[in-house]
PDB file of N, CA and C in Angstrom:
ATOM      1  N   MET A   1      72.608  40.760 152.706  1.00  0.00           N
ATOM      2  CA  MET A   1      71.646  41.035 151.670  1.00  0.00           C
ATOM      3  C   MET A   1      72.396  41.561 150.450  1.00  0.00           C
ATOM      4  N   SER A   2      72.283  40.871 149.347  1.00  0.00           N
ATOM      5  CA  SER A   2      73.003  41.281 148.144  1.00  0.00           C
ATOM      6  C   SER A   2      72.165  42.258 147.326  1.00  0.00           C
ATOM      7  N   ARG A   3      72.860  43.081 146.609  1.00  0.00           N
ATOM      8  CA  ARG A   3      72.214  44.093 145.775  1.00  0.00           C
ATOM      9  C   ARG A   3      71.893  43.531 144.406  1.00  0.00           C
ATOM     10  N   ILE A   4      70.791  43.945 143.847  1.00  0.00           N
ATOM     11  CA  ILE A   4      70.434  43.553 142.488  1.00  0.00           C
ATOM     12  C   ILE A   4      71.233  44.432 141.535  1.00  0.00           C
ATOM     13  N   PRO A   5      71.959  43.832 140.592  1.00  0.00           N
ATOM     14  CA  PRO A   5      72.761  44.659 139.682  1.00  0.00           C
ATOM     15  C   PRO A   5      71.873  45.500 138.765  1.00  0.00           C
ATOM     16  N   ARG A   6      72.321  46.709 138.507  1.00  0.00           N
ATOM     17  CA  ARG A   6      71.586  47.602 137.608  1.00  0.00           C
ATOM     18  C   ARG A   6      71.742  47.159 136.177  1.00  0.00           C
ATOM     19  N   ARG A   7      70.643  47.199 135.457  1.00  0.00           N
ATOM     20  CA  ARG A   7      70.709  46.853 134.039  1.00  0.00           C
ATOM     21  C   ARG A   7      71.131  48.089 133.272  1.00  0.00           C
ATOM     22  N   GLN A   8      71.953  47.877 132.267  1.00  0.00           N
ATOM     23  CA  GLN A   8      72.445  48.988 131.460  1.00  0.00           C
ATOM     24  C   GLN A   8      71.899  48.839 130.043  1.00  0.00           C
ATOM     25  N   TYR A   9      71.443  49.936 129.487  1.00  0.00           N
ATOM     26  CA  TYR A   9      70.862  49.926 128.149  1.00  0.00           C
ATOM     27  C   TYR A   9      71.674  50.853 127.251  1.00  0.00           C
ATOM     28  N   THR A  10      71.800  50.469 126.000  1.00  0.00           N
ATOM     29  CA  THR A  10      72.514  51.308 125.043  1.00  0.00           C
ATOM     30  C   THR A  10      71.615  52.452 124.589  1.00  0.00           C
ATOM     31  N   ASP A  11      72.226  53.488 124.054  1.00  0.00           N
ATOM     32  CA  ASP A  11      71.459  54.620 123.529  1.00  0.00           C
ATOM     33  C   ASP A  11      70.549  54.177 122.390  1.00  0.00           C
ATOM     34  N   ASP A  12      71.028  53.255 121.580  1.00  0.00           N
ATOM     35  CA  ASP A  12      70.246  52.736 120.459  1.00  0.00           C
ATOM     36  C   ASP A  12      68.980  52.040 120.968  1.00  0.00           C
ATOM     37  N   PHE A  13      69.131  51.219 122.005  1.00  0.00           N
ATOM     38  CA  PHE A  13      67.985  50.516 122.577  1.00  0.00           C
ATOM     39  C   PHE A  13      66.965  51.510 123.124  1.00  0.00           C
ATOM     40  N   LYS A  14      67.446  52.539 123.817  1.00  0.00           N
ATOM     41  CA  LYS A  14      66.549  53.544 124.391  1.00  0.00           C
ATOM     42  C   LYS A  14      65.772  54.270 123.291  1.00  0.00           C
ATOM     43  N   GLY A  15      66.462  54.631 122.220  1.00  0.00           N
ATOM     44  CA  GLY A  15      65.801  55.312 121.115  1.00  0.00           C
ATOM     45  C   GLY A  15      64.746  54.452 120.448  1.00  0.00           C
ATOM     46  N   GLN A  16      65.070  53.179 120.242  1.00  0.00           N
ATOM     47  CA  GLN A  16      64.101  52.265 119.631  1.00  0.00           C
ATOM     48  C   GLN A  16      62.919  52.026 120.569  1.00  0.00           C
ATOM     49  N   ALA A  17      63.171  51.970 121.864  1.00  0.00           N
ATOM     50  CA  ALA A  17      62.091  51.774 122.826  1.00  0.00           C
ATOM     51  C   ALA A  17      61.133  52.958 122.809  1.00  0.00           C
ATOM     52  N   VAL A  18      61.668  54.169 122.747  1.00  0.00           N
ATOM     53  CA  VAL A  18      60.829  55.366 122.691  1.00  0.00           C
ATOM     54  C   VAL A  18      60.014  55.371 121.399  1.00  0.00           C
ATOM     55  N   THR A  19      60.640  54.990 120.288  1.00  0.00           N
ATOM     56  CA  THR A  19      59.943  54.927 119.003  1.00  0.00           C
ATOM     57  C   THR A  19      58.816  53.907 119.044  1.00  0.00           C
ATOM     58  N   LEU A  20      59.063  52.764 119.687  1.00  0.00           N
ATOM     59  CA  LEU A  20      58.042  51.724 119.814  1.00  0.00           C
ATOM     60  C   LEU A  20      56.898  52.179 120.709  1.00  0.00           C
ATOM     61  N   ALA A  21      57.204  52.947 121.745  1.00  0.00           N
ATOM     62  CA  ALA A  21      56.191  53.367 122.708  1.00  0.00           C
ATOM     63  C   ALA A  21      55.216  54.391 122.139  1.00  0.00           C
ATOM     64  N   GLU A  22      55.620  55.134 121.130  1.00  0.00           N
ATOM     65  CA  GLU A  22      54.747  56.177 120.584  1.00  0.00           C
ATOM     66  C   GLU A  22      53.436  55.618 120.024  1.00  0.00           C
ATOM     67  N   PRO A  23      53.469  54.609 119.144  1.00  0.00           N
ATOM     68  CA  PRO A  23      52.184  54.149 118.598  1.00  0.00           C
ATOM     69  C   PRO A  23      51.399  53.218 119.531  1.00  0.00           C
ATOM     70  N   ILE A  24      52.059  52.404 120.339  1.00  0.00           N
ATOM     71  CA  ILE A  24      51.318  51.407 121.141  1.00  0.00           C
ATOM     72  C   ILE A  24      51.155  51.792 122.596  1.00  0.00           C
ATOM     73  N   GLY A  25      51.822  52.834 123.034  1.00  0.00           N
ATOM     74  CA  GLY A  25      51.715  53.279 124.421  1.00  0.00           C
ATOM     75  C   GLY A  25      52.881  52.781 125.263  1.00  0.00           C
ATOM     76  N   PRO A  26      53.240  53.572 126.266  1.00  0.00           N
ATOM     77  CA  PRO A  26      54.416  53.226 127.067  1.00  0.00           C
ATOM     78  C   PRO A  26      54.246  51.969 127.925  1.00  0.00           C
ATOM     79  N   ALA A  27      53.076  51.736 128.470  1.00  0.00           N
ATOM     80  CA  ALA A  27      52.884  50.567 129.340  1.00  0.00           C
ATOM     81  C   ALA A  27      53.030  49.263 128.559  1.00  0.00           C
ATOM     82  N   LYS A  28      52.401  49.201 127.405  1.00  0.00           N
ATOM     83  CA  LYS A  28      52.473  47.988 126.583  1.00  0.00           C
ATOM     84  C   LYS A  28      53.893  47.780 126.047  1.00  0.00           C
ATOM     85  N   ALA A  29      54.532  48.854 125.627  1.00  0.00           N
ATOM     86  CA  ALA A  29      55.908  48.750 125.124  1.00  0.00           C
ATOM     87  C   ALA A  29      56.850  48.302 126.238  1.00  0.00           C
ATOM     88  N   ALA A  30      56.640  48.812 127.442  1.00  0.00           N
ATOM     89  CA  ALA A  30      57.486  48.432 128.578  1.00  0.00           C
ATOM     90  C   ALA A  30      57.350  46.944 128.879  1.00  0.00           C
ATOM     91  N   ARG A  31      56.130  46.430 128.821  1.00  0.00           N
ATOM     92  CA  ARG A  31      55.922  44.984 129.044  1.00  0.00           C
ATOM     93  C   ARG A  31      56.618  44.160 127.972  1.00  0.00           C
ATOM     94  N   GLN A  32      56.513  44.598 126.724  1.00  0.00           N
ATOM     95  CA  GLN A  32      57.146  43.862 125.627  1.00  0.00           C
ATOM     96  C   GLN A  32      58.664  43.856 125.741  1.00  0.00           C
ATOM     97  N   LEU A  33      59.227  44.955 126.206  1.00  0.00           N
ATOM     98  CA  LEU A  33      60.676  45.084 126.277  1.00  0.00           C
ATOM     99  C   LEU A  33      61.249  44.644 127.631  1.00  0.00           C
ATOM    100  N   ASP A  34      60.377  44.292 128.563  1.00  0.00           N
ATOM    101  CA  ASP A  34      60.786  43.896 129.911  1.00  0.00           C
ATOM    102  C   ASP A  34      61.586  45.022 130.577  1.00  0.00           C
ATOM    103  N   VAL A  35      60.991  46.209 130.523  1.00  0.00           N
ATOM    104  CA  VAL A  35      61.578  47.406 131.115  1.00  0.00           C
ATOM    105  C   VAL A  35      60.503  48.035 131.981  1.00  0.00           C
ATOM    106  N   SER A  36      60.908  48.725 133.030  1.00  0.00           N
ATOM    107  CA  SER A  36      59.960  49.429 133.876  1.00  0.00           C
ATOM    108  C   SER A  36      59.240  50.508 133.069  1.00  0.00           C
ATOM    109  N   ALA A  37      57.952  50.655 133.310  1.00  0.00           N
ATOM    110  CA  ALA A  37      57.180  51.680 132.608  1.00  0.00           C
ATOM    111  C   ALA A  37      57.705  53.079 132.966  1.00  0.00           C
ATOM    112  N   ARG A  38      58.131  53.260 134.223  1.00  0.00           N
ATOM    113  CA  ARG A  38      58.667  54.545 134.658  1.00  0.00           C
ATOM    114  C   ARG A  38      59.983  54.861 133.928  1.00  0.00           C
ATOM    115  N   THR A  39      60.804  53.838 133.737  1.00  0.00           N
ATOM    116  CA  THR A  39      62.063  54.029 133.012  1.00  0.00           C
ATOM    117  C   THR A  39      61.784  54.457 131.578  1.00  0.00           C
ATOM    118  N   LEU A  40      60.857  53.789 130.948  1.00  0.00           N
ATOM    119  CA  LEU A  40      60.501  54.131 129.567  1.00  0.00           C
ATOM    120  C   LEU A  40      59.912  55.540 129.499  1.00  0.00           C
ATOM    121  N   ALA A  41      59.114  55.912 130.493  1.00  0.00           N
ATOM    122  CA  ALA A  41      58.560  57.265 130.527  1.00  0.00           C
ATOM    123  C   ALA A  41      59.672  58.307 130.675  1.00  0.00           C
ATOM    124  N   ASN A  42      60.680  57.998 131.483  1.00  0.00           N
ATOM    125  CA  ASN A  42      61.820  58.914 131.635  1.00  0.00           C
ATOM    126  C   ASN A  42      62.561  59.080 130.316  1.00  0.00           C
ATOM    127  N   TRP A  43      62.768  57.960 129.609  1.00  0.00           N
ATOM    128  CA  TRP A  43      63.446  58.033 128.316  1.00  0.00           C
ATOM    129  C   TRP A  43      62.629  58.861 127.328  1.00  0.00           C
ATOM    130  N   SER A  44      61.300  58.686 127.344  1.00  0.00           N
ATOM    131  CA  SER A  44      60.425  59.436 126.441  1.00  0.00           C
ATOM    132  C   SER A  44      60.476  60.928 126.749  1.00  0.00           C
ATOM    133  N   ALA A  45      60.438  61.266 128.035  1.00  0.00           N
ATOM    134  CA  ALA A  45      60.483  62.674 128.433  1.00  0.00           C
ATOM    135  C   ALA A  45      61.813  63.301 128.028  1.00  0.00           C
ATOM    136  N   ALA A  46      62.898  62.568 128.200  1.00  0.00           N
ATOM    137  CA  ALA A  46      64.214  63.084 127.806  1.00  0.00           C
ATOM    138  C   ALA A  46      64.283  63.265 126.295  1.00  0.00           C
ATOM    139  N   SER A  47      63.658  62.355 125.572  1.00  0.00           N
ATOM    140  CA  SER A  47      63.653  62.446 124.116  1.00  0.00           C
ATOM    141  C   SER A  47      62.851  63.665 123.649  1.00  0.00           C
ATOM    142  N   ARG A  48      61.703  63.900 124.280  1.00  0.00           N
ATOM    143  CA  ARG A  48      60.868  65.050 123.925  1.00  0.00           C
ATOM    144  C   ARG A  48      61.576  66.360 124.255  1.00  0.00           C
ATOM    145  N   ALA A  49      62.337  66.381 125.331  1.00  0.00           N
ATOM    146  CA  ALA A  49      63.037  67.598 125.740  1.00  0.00           C
ATOM    147  C   ALA A  49      64.272  67.848 124.874  1.00  0.00           C
ATOM    148  N   GLY A  50      64.617  66.870 124.051  1.00  0.00           N
ATOM    149  CA  GLY A  50      65.779  67.016 123.188  1.00  0.00           C
ATOM    150  C   GLY A  50      67.079  66.721 123.908  1.00  0.00           C
ATOM    151  N   LYS A  51      66.961  66.237 125.132  1.00  0.00           N
ATOM    152  CA  LYS A  51      68.152  65.927 125.922  1.00  0.00           C
ATOM    153  C   LYS A  51      68.604  64.516 125.593  1.00  0.00           C
ATOM    154  N   PRO A  52      69.832  64.347 125.167  1.00  0.00           N
ATOM    155  CA  PRO A  52      70.295  62.998 124.859  1.00  0.00           C
ATOM    156  C   PRO A  52      70.481  62.176 126.131  1.00  0.00           C
ATOM    157  N   VAL A  53      69.971  60.962 126.124  1.00  0.00           N
ATOM    158  CA  VAL A  53      70.137  60.056 127.252  1.00  0.00           C
ATOM    159  C   VAL A  53      71.339  59.191 126.904  1.00  0.00           C
ATOM    160  N   SER A  54      72.466  59.575 127.422  1.00  0.00           N
ATOM    161  CA  SER A  54      73.679  58.868 127.037  1.00  0.00           C
ATOM    162  C   SER A  54      74.204  58.011 128.184  1.00  0.00           C
ATOM    163  N   GLU A  55      75.113  57.138 127.818  1.00  0.00           N
ATOM    164  CA  GLU A  55      75.736  56.290 128.822  1.00  0.00           C
ATOM    165  C   GLU A  55      76.617  57.126 129.741  1.00  0.00           C
ATOM    166  N   LEU A  56      77.164  58.220 129.233  1.00  0.00           N
ATOM    167  CA  LEU A  56      77.984  59.095 130.069  1.00  0.00           C
ATOM    168  C   LEU A  56      77.161  59.752 131.168  1.00  0.00           C
ATOM    169  N   GLU A  57      75.944  60.171 130.829  1.00  0.00           N
ATOM    170  CA  GLU A  57      75.077  60.774 131.843  1.00  0.00           C
ATOM    171  C   GLU A  57      74.690  59.752 132.899  1.00  0.00           C
ATOM    172  N   ALA A  58      74.414  58.537 132.472  1.00  0.00           N
ATOM    173  CA  ALA A  58      74.085  57.478 133.427  1.00  0.00           C
ATOM    174  C   ALA A  58      75.270  57.188 134.332  1.00  0.00           C
ATOM    175  N   GLU A  59      76.463  57.168 133.759  1.00  0.00           N
ATOM    176  CA  GLU A  59      77.680  56.932 134.541  1.00  0.00           C
ATOM    177  C   GLU A  59      77.900  58.067 135.537  1.00  0.00           C
ATOM    178  N   LEU A  60      77.650  59.296 135.118  1.00  0.00           N
ATOM    179  CA  LEU A  60      77.804  60.446 136.000  1.00  0.00           C
ATOM    180  C   LEU A  60      76.840  60.344 137.183  1.00  0.00           C
ATOM    181  N   ALA A  61      75.604  59.975 136.916  1.00  0.00           N
ATOM    182  CA  ALA A  61      74.627  59.823 137.993  1.00  0.00           C
ATOM    183  C   ALA A  61      75.056  58.730 138.970  1.00  0.00           C
ATOM    184  N   ARG A  62      75.573  57.622 138.439  1.00  0.00           N
ATOM    185  CA  ARG A  62      76.023  56.522 139.290  1.00  0.00           C
ATOM    186  C   ARG A  62      77.196  56.961 140.162  1.00  0.00           C
ATOM    187  N   LEU A  63      78.145  57.689 139.571  1.00  0.00           N
ATOM    188  CA  LEU A  63      79.309  58.152 140.323  1.00  0.00           C
ATOM    189  C   LEU A  63      78.929  59.173 141.402  1.00  0.00           C
ATOM    190  N   ARG A  64      77.958  60.026 141.104  1.00  0.00           N
ATOM    191  CA  ARG A  64      77.503  60.992 142.112  1.00  0.00           C
ATOM    192  C   ARG A  64      76.867  60.282 143.296  1.00  0.00           C
ATOM    193  N   ALA A  65      76.071  59.264 143.017  1.00  0.00           N
ATOM    194  CA  ALA A  65      75.451  58.494 144.098  1.00  0.00           C
ATOM    195  C   ALA A  65      76.515  57.767 144.923  1.00  0.00           C
ATOM    196  N   GLU A  66      77.496  57.211 144.245  1.00  0.00           N
ATOM    197  CA  GLU A  66      78.590  56.512 144.936  1.00  0.00           C
ATOM    198  C   GLU A  66      79.387  57.497 145.797  1.00  0.00           C
ATOM    199  N   ASN A  67      79.632  58.681 145.279  1.00  0.00           N
ATOM    200  CA  ASN A  67      80.350  59.706 146.020  1.00  0.00           C
ATOM    201  C   ASN A  67      79.582  60.108 147.280  1.00  0.00           C
ATOM    202  N   ALA A  68      78.281  60.271 147.163  1.00  0.00           N
ATOM    203  CA  ALA A  68      77.459  60.611 148.325  1.00  0.00           C
ATOM    204  C   ALA A  68      77.537  59.510 149.377  1.00  0.00           C
ATOM    205  N   SER A  69      77.541  58.272 148.925  1.00  0.00           N
ATOM    206  CA  SER A  69      77.650  57.146 149.846  1.00  0.00           C
ATOM    207  C   SER A  69      78.993  57.177 150.580  1.00  0.00           C
ATOM    208  N   PHE A  70      80.074  57.454 149.858  1.00  0.00           N
ATOM    209  CA  PHE A  70      81.398  57.522 150.480  1.00  0.00           C
ATOM    210  C   PHE A  70      81.478  58.661 151.492  1.00  0.00           C
ATOM    211  N   LYS A  71      80.867  59.799 151.160  1.00  0.00           N
ATOM    212  CA  LYS A  71      80.867  60.925 152.096  1.00  0.00           C
ATOM    213  C   LYS A  71      80.136  60.554 153.382  1.00  0.00           C
ATOM    214  N   MET A  72      79.026  59.840 153.250  1.00  0.00           N
ATOM    215  CA  MET A  72      78.271  59.429 154.424  1.00  0.00           C
ATOM    216  C   MET A  72      79.096  58.463 155.276  1.00  0.00           C
ATOM    217  N   GLU A  73      79.772  57.518 154.636  1.00  0.00           N
ATOM    218  CA  GLU A  73      80.629  56.577 155.368  1.00  0.00           C
ATOM    219  C   GLU A  73      81.730  57.323 156.111  1.00  0.00           C
ATOM    220  N   ARG A  74      82.317  58.328 155.472  1.00  0.00           N
ATOM    221  CA  ARG A  74      83.377  59.092 156.101  1.00  0.00           C
ATOM    222  C   ARG A  74      82.866  59.841 157.326  1.00  0.00           C
ATOM    223  N   GLU A  75      81.660  60.399 157.241  1.00  0.00           N
ATOM    224  CA  GLU A  75      81.068  61.089 158.381  1.00  0.00           C
ATOM    225  C   GLU A  75      80.839  60.126 159.540  1.00  0.00           C
ATOM    226  N   VAL A  76      80.364  58.932 159.236  1.00  0.00           N
ATOM    227  CA  VAL A  76      80.128  57.934 160.279  1.00  0.00           C
ATOM    228  C   VAL A  76      81.444  57.573 160.949  1.00  0.00           C
ATOM    229  N   LYS A  77      82.502  57.401 160.178  1.00  0.00           N
ATOM    230  CA  LYS A  77      83.812  57.069 160.748  1.00  0.00           C
ATOM    231  C   LYS A  77      84.336  58.210 161.611  1.00  0.00           C
ATOM    232  N   LYS A  78      84.123  59.451 161.194  1.00  0.00           N
ATOM    233  CA  LYS A  78      84.561  60.596 161.988  1.00  0.00           C
ATOM    234  C   LYS A  78      83.846  60.604 163.334  1.00  0.00           C
ATOM    235  N   ARG A  79      82.564  60.375 163.304  1.00  0.00           N
ATOM    236  CA  ARG A  79      81.784  60.391 164.545  1.00  0.00           C
ATOM    237  C   ARG A  79      82.181  59.230 165.443  1.00  0.00           C
ATOM    238  N   ARG A  80      82.479  58.087 164.848  1.00  0.00           N
ATOM    239  CA  ARG A  80      82.869  56.921 165.614  1.00  0.00           C
ATOM    240  C   ARG A  80      84.201  57.171 166.320  1.00  0.00           C
ATOM    241  N   ARG A  81      85.120  57.906 165.677  1.00  0.00           N
ATOM    242  CA  ARG A  81      86.414  58.212 166.284  1.00  0.00           C
ATOM    243  C   ARG A  81      86.267  59.123 167.487  1.00  0.00           C
ATOM    244  N   SER A  82      85.249  59.947 167.510  1.00  0.00           N
ATOM    245  CA  SER A  82      85.085  60.885 168.614  1.00  0.00           C
ATOM    246  C   SER A  82      84.431  60.238 169.833  1.00  0.00           C
ATOM    247  N   LEU A  83      83.903  59.033 169.690  1.00  0.00           N
ATOM    248  CA  LEU A  83      83.305  58.334 170.823  1.00  0.00           C
ATOM    249  C   LEU A  83      84.399  57.775 171.720  1.00  0.00           C
ATOM    250  N   PRO A  84      84.143  57.686 173.040  1.00  0.00           N
ATOM    251  CA  PRO A  84      85.135  57.092 173.935  1.00  0.00           C
ATOM    252  C   PRO A  84      85.319  55.610 173.636  1.00  0.00           C
ATOM    253  N   ARG A  85      86.545  55.129 173.790  1.00  0.00           N
ATOM    254  CA  ARG A  85      86.851  53.753 173.447  1.00  0.00           C
ATOM    255  C   ARG A  85      86.659  52.803 174.616  1.00  0.00           C
ATOM    256  N   SER A  86      86.826  53.266 175.816  1.00  0.00           N
ATOM    257  CA  SER A  86      86.657  52.388 176.971  1.00  0.00           C
ATOM    258  C   SER A  86      85.953  53.160 178.087  1.00  0.00           C
ATOM    259  N   PRO A  87      85.403  52.438 179.051  1.00  0.00           N
ATOM    260  CA  PRO A  87      84.706  53.130 180.146  1.00  0.00           C
ATOM    261  C   PRO A  87      85.610  54.074 180.925  1.00  0.00           C
ATOM    262  N   SER A  88      86.920  53.808 180.966  1.00  0.00           N
ATOM    263  CA  SER A  88      87.823  54.684 181.703  1.00  0.00           C
ATOM    264  C   SER A  88      87.977  56.043 181.029  1.00  0.00           C
ATOM    265  N   GLN A  89      87.650  56.130 179.765  1.00  0.00           N
ATOM    266  CA  GLN A  89      87.761  57.398 179.053  1.00  0.00           C
ATOM    267  C   GLN A  89      86.512  58.269 179.218  1.00  0.00           C
ATOM    268  N   VAL A  90      85.478  57.703 179.803  1.00  0.00           N
ATOM    269  CA  VAL A  90      84.241  58.454 179.982  1.00  0.00           C
ATOM    270  C   VAL A  90      84.389  59.356 181.196  1.00  0.00           C
ATOM    271  N   ARG A  91      84.135  60.613 181.037  1.00  0.00           N
ATOM    272  CA  ARG A  91      84.221  61.571 182.130  1.00  0.00           C
ATOM    273  C   ARG A  91      82.816  62.025 182.493  1.00  0.00           C
ATOM    274  N   ILE A  92      82.553  62.012 183.756  1.00  0.00           N
ATOM    275  CA  ILE A  92      81.234  62.436 184.228  1.00  0.00           C
ATOM    276  C   ILE A  92      81.337  63.871 184.674  1.00  0.00           C
ATOM    277  N   ARG A  93      80.467  64.688 184.166  1.00  0.00           N
ATOM    278  CA  ARG A  93      80.447  66.093 184.548  1.00  0.00           C
ATOM    279  C   ARG A  93      79.480  66.267 185.698  1.00  0.00           C
ATOM    280  N   ARG A  94      79.939  66.927 186.711  1.00  0.00           N
ATOM    281  CA  ARG A  94      79.066  67.188 187.858  1.00  0.00           C
ATOM    282  C   ARG A  94      78.687  68.661 187.850  1.00  0.00           C
ATOM    283  N   ALA A  95      77.426  68.883 188.078  1.00  0.00           N
ATOM    284  CA  ALA A  95      76.917  70.243 188.038  1.00  0.00           C
ATOM    285  C   ALA A  95      77.180  71.005 189.301  1.00  0.00           C
TER     286      ALA A  95
END
């Protein structure tokens, strides 16, 4: 199963999208721009809060998610190493 690539938007595009959404509404603007309404709402909320939505922040979020994925893979490998490799390595405990 292949992953759908994430679309990347420039800061300029995000700002113009938020400006467009103010007079006509976020749902209609999202349809016109072929963007998720939730994504546009997030951009609007960030704009209202005065927080810049930059490509660096998006990159940081992507890297954090990737790091979490790598940590999970490492844990799985650690647990796999602790499992017995053959039936002869299995020890039965008798009470």
